[in-house]
């Protein structure tokens, strides 16, 4: 049983055209934010960052309406609620 090369090529082009049409229809029907929204993207925000050197920095992070300071260095990292004691401390040993 022999299948024509042209039949395979046209079938492939038909499938590509069908897929492109479906993508175009979805993009027109749904807003972009719905198609590409990441889970949890609105829960976590980077408020501000300060670099203290090549491998050290301070980040002010907002998570679920609460602010935290994240401190990173070569020795490890710590996460502190603003105005509180350290919550998480990690070290590389």
PDB file of N, CA and C in Angstrom:
ATOM      1  N   UNK A   1       0.848  -1.173   0.000  1.00  0.00           N
ATOM      2  CA  UNK A   1       0.000   0.000   0.000  1.00  0.00           C
ATOM      3  C   UNK A   1       0.898   1.242   0.000  1.00  0.00           C
ATOM      4  N   UNK A   2       0.749   2.040  -1.011  1.00  0.00           N
ATOM      5  CA  UNK A   2       1.601   3.203  -1.175  1.00  0.00           C
ATOM      6  C   UNK A   2       0.799   4.482  -0.906  1.00  0.00           C
ATOM      7  N   UNK A   3       1.384   5.371  -0.062  1.00  0.00           N
ATOM      8  CA  UNK A   3       0.742   6.643   0.262  1.00  0.00           C
ATOM      9  C   UNK A   3       1.525   7.755  -0.425  1.00  0.00           C
ATOM     10  N   UNK A   4       0.831   8.633  -1.092  1.00  0.00           N
ATOM     11  CA  UNK A   4       1.459   9.729  -1.817  1.00  0.00           C
ATOM     12  C   UNK A   4       2.095  10.726  -0.843  1.00  0.00           C
ATOM     13  N   UNK A   5       3.258  11.220  -1.229  1.00  0.00           N
ATOM     14  CA  UNK A   5       3.952  12.232  -0.427  1.00  0.00           C
ATOM     15  C   UNK A   5       3.116  13.503  -0.360  1.00  0.00           C
ATOM     16  N   UNK A   6       2.461  13.843  -1.454  1.00  0.00           N
ATOM     17  CA  UNK A   6       1.628  15.050  -1.488  1.00  0.00           C
ATOM     18  C   UNK A   6       0.450  14.948  -0.520  1.00  0.00           C
ATOM     19  N   UNK A   7      -0.099  13.763  -0.389  1.00  0.00           N
ATOM     20  CA  UNK A   7      -1.209  13.570   0.538  1.00  0.00           C
ATOM     21  C   UNK A   7      -0.748  13.819   1.977  1.00  0.00           C
ATOM     22  N   UNK A   8       0.445  13.373   2.332  1.00  0.00           N
ATOM     23  CA  UNK A   8       1.008  13.586   3.671  1.00  0.00           C
ATOM     24  C   UNK A   8       1.279  15.072   3.896  1.00  0.00           C
ATOM     25  N   UNK A   9       1.862  15.735   2.887  1.00  0.00           N
ATOM     26  CA  UNK A   9       2.178  17.167   2.999  1.00  0.00           C
ATOM     27  C   UNK A   9       0.902  17.979   3.168  1.00  0.00           C
ATOM     28  N   UNK A  10      -0.108  17.722   2.371  1.00  0.00           N
ATOM     29  CA  UNK A  10      -1.365  18.471   2.475  1.00  0.00           C
ATOM     30  C   UNK A  10      -2.083  18.184   3.798  1.00  0.00           C
ATOM     31  N   UNK A  11      -1.994  16.967   4.288  1.00  0.00           N
ATOM     32  CA  UNK A  11      -2.600  16.641   5.589  1.00  0.00           C
ATOM     33  C   UNK A  11      -1.901  17.412   6.706  1.00  0.00           C
ATOM     34  N   UNK A  12      -0.582  17.472   6.619  1.00  0.00           N
ATOM     35  CA  UNK A  12       0.185  18.218   7.621  1.00  0.00           C
ATOM     36  C   UNK A  12      -0.173  19.703   7.582  1.00  0.00           C
ATOM     37  N   UNK A  13      -0.219  20.287   6.388  1.00  0.00           N
ATOM     38  CA  UNK A  13      -0.580  21.702   6.257  1.00  0.00           C
ATOM     39  C   UNK A  13      -2.001  21.969   6.746  1.00  0.00           C
ATOM     40  N   UNK A  14      -2.905  21.040   6.485  1.00  0.00           N
ATOM     41  CA  UNK A  14      -4.280  21.182   6.967  1.00  0.00           C
ATOM     42  C   UNK A  14      -4.312  21.201   8.497  1.00  0.00           C
ATOM     43  N   UNK A  15      -3.557  20.309   9.137  1.00  0.00           N
ATOM     44  CA  UNK A  15      -3.519  20.274  10.611  1.00  0.00           C
ATOM     45  C   UNK A  15      -2.913  21.555  11.185  1.00  0.00           C
ATOM     46  N   UNK A  16      -1.861  22.072  10.570  1.00  0.00           N
ATOM     47  CA  UNK A  16      -1.240  23.319  11.018  1.00  0.00           C
ATOM     48  C   UNK A  16      -2.217  24.477  10.876  1.00  0.00           C
ATOM     49  N   UNK A  17      -2.927  24.543   9.774  1.00  0.00           N
ATOM     50  CA  UNK A  17      -3.918  25.601   9.560  1.00  0.00           C
ATOM     51  C   UNK A  17      -5.044  25.508  10.578  1.00  0.00           C
ATOM     52  N   UNK A  18      -5.482  24.302  10.868  1.00  0.00           N
ATOM     53  CA  UNK A  18      -6.529  24.099  11.879  1.00  0.00           C
ATOM     54  C   UNK A  18      -6.068  24.557  13.257  1.00  0.00           C
ATOM     55  N   UNK A  19      -4.840  24.224  13.628  1.00  0.00           N
ATOM     56  CA  UNK A  19      -4.285  24.631  14.928  1.00  0.00           C
ATOM     57  C   UNK A  19      -4.148  26.153  15.006  1.00  0.00           C
ATOM     58  N   UNK A  20      -3.666  26.776  13.938  1.00  0.00           N
ATOM     59  CA  UNK A  20      -3.524  28.236  13.920  1.00  0.00           C
ATOM     60  C   UNK A  20      -4.884  28.912  14.043  1.00  0.00           C
ATOM     61  N   UNK A  21      -5.882  28.373  13.380  1.00  0.00           N
ATOM     62  CA  UNK A  21      -7.233  28.923  13.487  1.00  0.00           C
ATOM     63  C   UNK A  21      -7.788  28.797  14.898  1.00  0.00           C
ATOM     64  N   UNK A  22      -7.528  27.672  15.562  1.00  0.00           N
ATOM     65  CA  UNK A  22      -7.996  27.487  16.940  1.00  0.00           C
ATOM     66  C   UNK A  22      -7.307  28.471  17.880  1.00  0.00           C
ATOM     67  N   UNK A  23      -6.007  28.674  17.701  1.00  0.00           N
ATOM     68  CA  UNK A  23      -5.273  29.634  18.535  1.00  0.00           C
ATOM     69  C   UNK A  23      -5.809  31.038  18.311  1.00  0.00           C
ATOM     70  N   UNK A  24      -6.033  31.417  17.070  1.00  0.00           N
ATOM     71  CA  UNK A  24      -6.564  32.744  16.758  1.00  0.00           C
ATOM     72  C   UNK A  24      -7.941  32.938  17.385  1.00  0.00           C
ATOM     73  N   UNK A  25      -8.793  31.923  17.298  1.00  0.00           N
ATOM     74  CA  UNK A  25     -10.144  32.020  17.873  1.00  0.00           C
ATOM     75  C   UNK A  25     -10.088  32.137  19.394  1.00  0.00           C
ATOM     76  N   UNK A  26      -9.219  31.384  20.034  1.00  0.00           N
ATOM     77  CA  UNK A  26      -9.092  31.467  21.496  1.00  0.00           C
ATOM     78  C   UNK A  26      -8.562  32.819  21.946  1.00  0.00           C
ATOM     79  N   UNK A  27      -7.600  33.355  21.223  1.00  0.00           N
ATOM     80  CA  UNK A  27      -7.036  34.654  21.611  1.00  0.00           C
ATOM     81  C   UNK A  27      -8.054  35.775  21.460  1.00  0.00           C
ATOM     82  N   UNK A  28      -8.939  35.672  20.489  1.00  0.00           N
ATOM     83  CA  UNK A  28      -9.976  36.697  20.311  1.00  0.00           C
ATOM     84  C   UNK A  28     -11.077  36.543  21.341  1.00  0.00           C
ATOM     85  N   UNK A  29     -11.386  35.315  21.717  1.00  0.00           N
ATOM     86  CA  UNK A  29     -12.498  35.032  22.620  1.00  0.00           C
ATOM     87  C   UNK A  29     -12.134  35.306  24.079  1.00  0.00           C
ATOM     88  N   UNK A  30     -10.945  34.883  24.499  1.00  0.00           N
ATOM     89  CA  UNK A  30     -10.524  35.011  25.890  1.00  0.00           C
ATOM     90  C   UNK A  30      -9.513  36.136  26.043  1.00  0.00           C
ATOM     91  N   UNK A  31      -9.574  36.881  27.141  1.00  0.00           N
ATOM     92  CA  UNK A  31      -8.546  37.905  27.370  1.00  0.00           C
ATOM     93  C   UNK A  31      -7.192  37.251  27.614  1.00  0.00           C
ATOM     94  N   UNK A  32      -6.136  37.961  27.280  1.00  0.00           N
ATOM     95  CA  UNK A  32      -4.781  37.427  27.426  1.00  0.00           C
ATOM     96  C   UNK A  32      -4.480  37.070  28.872  1.00  0.00           C
ATOM     97  N   UNK A  33      -4.956  37.864  29.813  1.00  0.00           N
ATOM     98  CA  UNK A  33      -4.656  37.595  31.216  1.00  0.00           C
ATOM     99  C   UNK A  33      -5.232  36.253  31.666  1.00  0.00           C
ATOM    100  N   UNK A  34      -6.332  35.818  31.079  1.00  0.00           N
ATOM    101  CA  UNK A  34      -6.915  34.529  31.439  1.00  0.00           C
ATOM    102  C   UNK A  34      -6.101  33.382  30.860  1.00  0.00           C
ATOM    103  N   UNK A  35      -5.580  33.557  29.661  1.00  0.00           N
ATOM    104  CA  UNK A  35      -4.824  32.482  29.027  1.00  0.00           C
ATOM    105  C   UNK A  35      -3.481  32.238  29.695  1.00  0.00           C
ATOM    106  N   UNK A  36      -2.818  33.308  30.110  1.00  0.00           N
ATOM    107  CA  UNK A  36      -1.446  33.174  30.585  1.00  0.00           C
ATOM    108  C   UNK A  36      -1.274  33.533  32.057  1.00  0.00           C
ATOM    109  N   UNK A  37      -2.331  33.542  32.828  1.00  0.00           N
ATOM    110  CA  UNK A  37      -2.230  33.913  34.237  1.00  0.00           C
ATOM    111  C   UNK A  37      -1.556  32.789  35.021  1.00  0.00           C
ATOM    112  N   UNK A  38      -0.543  33.162  35.775  1.00  0.00           N
ATOM    113  CA  UNK A  38       0.166  32.184  36.602  1.00  0.00           C
ATOM    114  C   UNK A  38      -0.552  32.045  37.932  1.00  0.00           C
ATOM    115  N   UNK A  39      -0.549  30.842  38.447  1.00  0.00           N
ATOM    116  CA  UNK A  39      -1.178  30.582  39.739  1.00  0.00           C
ATOM    117  C   UNK A  39      -0.348  31.259  40.821  1.00  0.00           C
ATOM    118  N   UNK A  40      -0.992  32.046  41.670  1.00  0.00           N
ATOM    119  CA  UNK A  40      -0.305  32.702  42.771  1.00  0.00           C
ATOM    120  C   UNK A  40       0.416  33.972  42.387  1.00  0.00           C
ATOM    121  N   UNK A  41       0.299  34.423  41.143  1.00  0.00           N
ATOM    122  CA  UNK A  41       1.029  35.601  40.698  1.00  0.00           C
ATOM    123  C   UNK A  41       0.565  36.861  41.407  1.00  0.00           C
ATOM    124  N   UNK A  42      -0.686  36.909  41.853  1.00  0.00           N
ATOM    125  CA  UNK A  42      -1.172  38.102  42.539  1.00  0.00           C
ATOM    126  C   UNK A  42      -0.961  38.018  44.049  1.00  0.00           C
ATOM    127  N   UNK A  43      -0.475  36.901  44.561  1.00  0.00           N
ATOM    128  CA  UNK A  43      -0.217  36.753  45.997  1.00  0.00           C
ATOM    129  C   UNK A  43       1.160  37.266  46.386  1.00  0.00           C
ATOM    130  N   UNK A  44       2.123  37.164  45.498  1.00  0.00           N
ATOM    131  CA  UNK A  44       3.513  37.485  45.800  1.00  0.00           C
ATOM    132  C   UNK A  44       3.974  38.647  44.945  1.00  0.00           C
ATOM    133  N   UNK A  45       4.521  39.686  45.595  1.00  0.00           N
ATOM    134  CA  UNK A  45       5.016  40.854  44.874  1.00  0.00           C
ATOM    135  C   UNK A  45       6.384  41.226  45.396  1.00  0.00           C
ATOM    136  N   UNK A  46       7.287  41.587  44.496  1.00  0.00           N
ATOM    137  CA  UNK A  46       8.574  42.141  44.871  1.00  0.00           C
ATOM    138  C   UNK A  46       8.393  43.646  44.965  1.00  0.00           C
ATOM    139  N   UNK A  47       8.475  44.174  46.182  1.00  0.00           N
ATOM    140  CA  UNK A  47       8.239  45.608  46.395  1.00  0.00           C
ATOM    141  C   UNK A  47       9.490  46.397  46.062  1.00  0.00           C
ATOM    142  N   UNK A  48      10.650  45.947  46.591  1.00  0.00           N
ATOM    143  CA  UNK A  48      11.896  46.672  46.369  1.00  0.00           C
ATOM    144  C   UNK A  48      13.068  45.729  46.564  1.00  0.00           C
ATOM    145  N   UNK A  49      14.176  46.026  45.892  1.00  0.00           N
ATOM    146  CA  UNK A  49      15.384  45.223  46.070  1.00  0.00           C
ATOM    147  C   UNK A  49      16.602  46.129  46.095  1.00  0.00           C
ATOM    148  N   UNK A  50      17.577  45.728  46.906  1.00  0.00           N
ATOM    149  CA  UNK A  50      18.829  46.474  47.007  1.00  0.00           C
ATOM    150  C   UNK A  50      19.968  45.467  46.911  1.00  0.00           C
ATOM    151  N   UNK A  51      20.895  45.696  45.995  1.00  0.00           N
ATOM    152  CA  UNK A  51      22.055  44.834  45.859  1.00  0.00           C
ATOM    153  C   UNK A  51      23.167  45.376  46.747  1.00  0.00           C
ATOM    154  N   UNK A  52      23.755  44.497  47.566  1.00  0.00           N
ATOM    155  CA  UNK A  52      24.841  44.889  48.456  1.00  0.00           C
ATOM    156  C   UNK A  52      26.184  44.371  47.972  1.00  0.00           C
ATOM    157  N   UNK A  53      26.202  43.757  46.840  1.00  0.00           N
ATOM    158  CA  UNK A  53      27.425  43.201  46.282  1.00  0.00           C
ATOM    159  C   UNK A  53      27.067  42.141  45.260  1.00  0.00           C
ATOM    160  N   UNK A  54      28.083  41.425  44.760  1.00  0.00           N
ATOM    161  CA  UNK A  54      27.798  40.442  43.723  1.00  0.00           C
ATOM    162  C   UNK A  54      26.885  39.298  44.175  1.00  0.00           C
ATOM    163  N   UNK A  55      26.995  38.872  45.428  1.00  0.00           N
ATOM    164  CA  UNK A  55      26.179  37.743  45.883  1.00  0.00           C
ATOM    165  C   UNK A  55      25.441  38.067  47.183  1.00  0.00           C
ATOM    166  N   UNK A  56      25.122  39.342  47.397  1.00  0.00           N
ATOM    167  CA  UNK A  56      24.393  39.745  48.597  1.00  0.00           C
ATOM    168  C   UNK A  56      23.307  40.740  48.225  1.00  0.00           C
ATOM    169  N   UNK A  57      22.182  40.636  48.902  1.00  0.00           N
ATOM    170  CA  UNK A  57      21.097  41.560  48.609  1.00  0.00           C
ATOM    171  C   UNK A  57      19.991  41.507  49.642  1.00  0.00           C
ATOM    172  N   UNK A  58      19.193  42.552  49.638  1.00  0.00           N
ATOM    173  CA  UNK A  58      18.027  42.656  50.505  1.00  0.00           C
ATOM    174  C   UNK A  58      16.817  42.858  49.607  1.00  0.00           C
ATOM    175  N   UNK A  59      15.764  42.090  49.862  1.00  0.00           N
ATOM    176  CA  UNK A  59      14.542  42.177  49.078  1.00  0.00           C
ATOM    177  C   UNK A  59      13.366  42.415  50.008  1.00  0.00           C
ATOM    178  N   UNK A  60      12.519  43.358  49.667  1.00  0.00           N
ATOM    179  CA  UNK A  60      11.275  43.589  50.385  1.00  0.00           C
ATOM    180  C   UNK A  60      10.178  42.911  49.572  1.00  0.00           C
ATOM    181  N   UNK A  61       9.541  41.904  50.191  1.00  0.00           N
ATOM    182  CA  UNK A  61       8.558  41.068  49.504  1.00  0.00           C
ATOM    183  C   UNK A  61       7.213  41.210  50.199  1.00  0.00           C
ATOM    184  N   UNK A  62       6.132  41.266  49.408  1.00  0.00           N
ATOM    185  CA  UNK A  62       4.782  41.272  49.961  1.00  0.00           C
ATOM    186  C   UNK A  62       4.110  39.954  49.597  1.00  0.00           C
ATOM    187  N   UNK A  63       3.655  39.228  50.617  1.00  0.00           N
ATOM    188  CA  UNK A  63       2.986  37.949  50.426  1.00  0.00           C
ATOM    189  C   UNK A  63       1.665  37.983  51.174  1.00  0.00           C
ATOM    190  N   UNK A  64       0.565  37.847  50.466  1.00  0.00           N
ATOM    191  CA  UNK A  64      -0.780  37.880  51.046  1.00  0.00           C
ATOM    192  C   UNK A  64      -1.009  39.125  51.902  1.00  0.00           C
ATOM    193  N   UNK A  65      -0.506  40.273  51.449  1.00  0.00           N
ATOM    194  CA  UNK A  65      -0.722  41.528  52.147  1.00  0.00           C
ATOM    195  C   UNK A  65       0.239  41.791  53.300  1.00  0.00           C
ATOM    196  N   UNK A  66       1.157  40.872  53.602  1.00  0.00           N
ATOM    197  CA  UNK A  66       2.143  41.056  54.670  1.00  0.00           C
ATOM    198  C   UNK A  66       3.516  41.234  54.047  1.00  0.00           C
ATOM    199  N   UNK A  67       4.317  42.136  54.629  1.00  0.00           N
ATOM    200  CA  UNK A  67       5.644  42.408  54.088  1.00  0.00           C
ATOM    201  C   UNK A  67       6.719  41.629  54.841  1.00  0.00           C
ATOM    202  N   UNK A  68       7.724  41.159  54.079  1.00  0.00           N
ATOM    203  CA  UNK A  68       8.842  40.413  54.633  1.00  0.00           C
ATOM    204  C   UNK A  68      10.134  40.954  54.043  1.00  0.00           C
ATOM    205  N   UNK A  69      11.205  40.895  54.844  1.00  0.00           N
ATOM    206  CA  UNK A  69      12.537  41.204  54.356  1.00  0.00           C
ATOM    207  C   UNK A  69      13.241  39.885  54.079  1.00  0.00           C
ATOM    208  N   UNK A  70      13.757  39.725  52.881  1.00  0.00           N
ATOM    209  CA  UNK A  70      14.542  38.543  52.535  1.00  0.00           C
ATOM    210  C   UNK A  70      15.982  38.989  52.369  1.00  0.00           C
ATOM    211  N   UNK A  71      16.871  38.396  53.165  1.00  0.00           N
ATOM    212  CA  UNK A  71      18.287  38.742  53.144  1.00  0.00           C
ATOM    213  C   UNK A  71      19.058  37.568  52.567  1.00  0.00           C
ATOM    214  N   UNK A  72      19.864  37.821  51.529  1.00  0.00           N
ATOM    215  CA  UNK A  72      20.630  36.773  50.872  1.00  0.00           C
ATOM    216  C   UNK A  72      22.111  37.109  50.920  1.00  0.00           C
ATOM    217  N   UNK A  73      22.941  36.108  51.217  1.00  0.00           N
ATOM    218  CA  UNK A  73      24.390  36.257  51.186  1.00  0.00           C
ATOM    219  C   UNK A  73      25.009  34.916  50.849  1.00  0.00           C
ATOM    220  N   UNK A  74      26.337  34.863  50.817  1.00  0.00           N
ATOM    221  CA  UNK A  74      27.027  33.611  50.527  1.00  0.00           C
ATOM    222  C   UNK A  74      26.806  32.590  51.645  1.00  0.00           C
ATOM    223  N   UNK A  75      26.611  33.054  52.863  1.00  0.00           N
ATOM    224  CA  UNK A  75      26.443  32.162  54.002  1.00  0.00           C
ATOM    225  C   UNK A  75      25.044  31.565  54.099  1.00  0.00           C
ATOM    226  N   UNK A  76      24.051  32.188  53.496  1.00  0.00           N
ATOM    227  CA  UNK A  76      22.697  31.657  53.561  1.00  0.00           C
ATOM    228  C   UNK A  76      21.663  32.740  53.299  1.00  0.00           C
ATOM    229  N   UNK A  77      20.453  32.466  53.768  1.00  0.00           N
ATOM    230  CA  UNK A  77      19.340  33.395  53.544  1.00  0.00           C
ATOM    231  C   UNK A  77      18.450  33.399  54.766  1.00  0.00           C
ATOM    232  N   UNK A  78      17.760  34.510  54.980  1.00  0.00           N
ATOM    233  CA  UNK A  78      16.779  34.564  56.062  1.00  0.00           C
ATOM    234  C   UNK A  78      15.586  35.390  55.604  1.00  0.00           C
ATOM    235  N   UNK A  79      14.439  35.030  56.135  1.00  0.00           N
ATOM    236  CA  UNK A  79      13.184  35.710  55.818  1.00  0.00           C
ATOM    237  C   UNK A  79      12.627  36.250  57.120  1.00  0.00           C
ATOM    238  N   UNK A  80      12.426  37.561  57.203  1.00  0.00           N
ATOM    239  CA  UNK A  80      11.980  38.212  58.423  1.00  0.00           C
ATOM    240  C   UNK A  80      10.747  39.055  58.134  1.00  0.00           C
ATOM    241  N   UNK A  81       9.657  38.865  58.906  1.00  0.00           N
ATOM    242  CA  UNK A  81       8.532  39.783  58.749  1.00  0.00           C
ATOM    243  C   UNK A  81       8.971  41.182  59.178  1.00  0.00           C
ATOM    244  N   UNK A  82       8.490  42.194  58.527  1.00  0.00           N
ATOM    245  CA  UNK A  82       8.908  43.542  58.907  1.00  0.00           C
ATOM    246  C   UNK A  82       8.468  43.815  60.325  1.00  0.00           C
ATOM    247  N   UNK A  83       9.444  44.130  61.192  1.00  0.00           N
ATOM    248  CA  UNK A  83       9.164  44.406  62.595  1.00  0.00           C
ATOM    249  C   UNK A  83       9.083  43.151  63.450  1.00  0.00           C
ATOM    250  N   UNK A  84       9.622  42.008  62.984  1.00  0.00           N
ATOM    251  CA  UNK A  84       9.529  40.773  63.760  1.00  0.00           C
ATOM    252  C   UNK A  84      10.837  40.008  63.804  1.00  0.00           C
ATOM    253  N   UNK A  85      10.795  38.855  64.436  1.00  0.00           N
ATOM    254  CA  UNK A  85      11.942  37.975  64.543  1.00  0.00           C
ATOM    255  C   UNK A  85      12.071  37.120  63.273  1.00  0.00           C
ATOM    256  N   UNK A  86      13.257  36.570  62.991  1.00  0.00           N
ATOM    257  CA  UNK A  86      13.424  35.752  61.787  1.00  0.00           C
ATOM    258  C   UNK A  86      12.502  34.549  61.783  1.00  0.00           C
ATOM    259  N   UNK A  87      11.938  34.268  60.598  1.00  0.00           N
ATOM    260  CA  UNK A  87      11.018  33.138  60.430  1.00  0.00           C
ATOM    261  C   UNK A  87      11.759  31.933  59.875  1.00  0.00           C
ATOM    262  N   UNK A  88      12.491  32.118  58.789  1.00  0.00           N
ATOM    263  CA  UNK A  88      13.193  31.027  58.115  1.00  0.00           C
ATOM    264  C   UNK A  88      14.634  31.421  57.937  1.00  0.00           C
ATOM    265  N   UNK A  89      15.562  30.538  58.295  1.00  0.00           N
ATOM    266  CA  UNK A  89      16.970  30.794  58.092  1.00  0.00           C
ATOM    267  C   UNK A  89      17.580  29.571  57.420  1.00  0.00           C
ATOM    268  N   UNK A  90      18.320  29.793  56.355  1.00  0.00           N
ATOM    269  CA  UNK A  90      18.987  28.702  55.661  1.00  0.00           C
ATOM    270  C   UNK A  90      20.445  29.021  55.490  1.00  0.00           C
ATOM    271  N   UNK A  91      21.308  27.992  55.629  1.00  0.00           N
ATOM    272  CA  UNK A  91      22.734  28.188  55.436  1.00  0.00           C
ATOM    273  C   UNK A  91      23.254  27.134  54.492  1.00  0.00           C
ATOM    274  N   UNK A  92      24.282  27.495  53.756  1.00  0.00           N
ATOM    275  CA  UNK A  92      24.939  26.556  52.854  1.00  0.00           C
ATOM    276  C   UNK A  92      26.205  26.057  53.528  1.00  0.00           C
ATOM    277  N   UNK A  93      26.238  24.792  53.872  1.00  0.00           N
ATOM    278  CA  UNK A  93      27.434  24.214  54.490  1.00  0.00           C
ATOM    279  C   UNK A  93      27.824  22.964  53.793  1.00  0.00           C
TER     280      UNK A  93
END
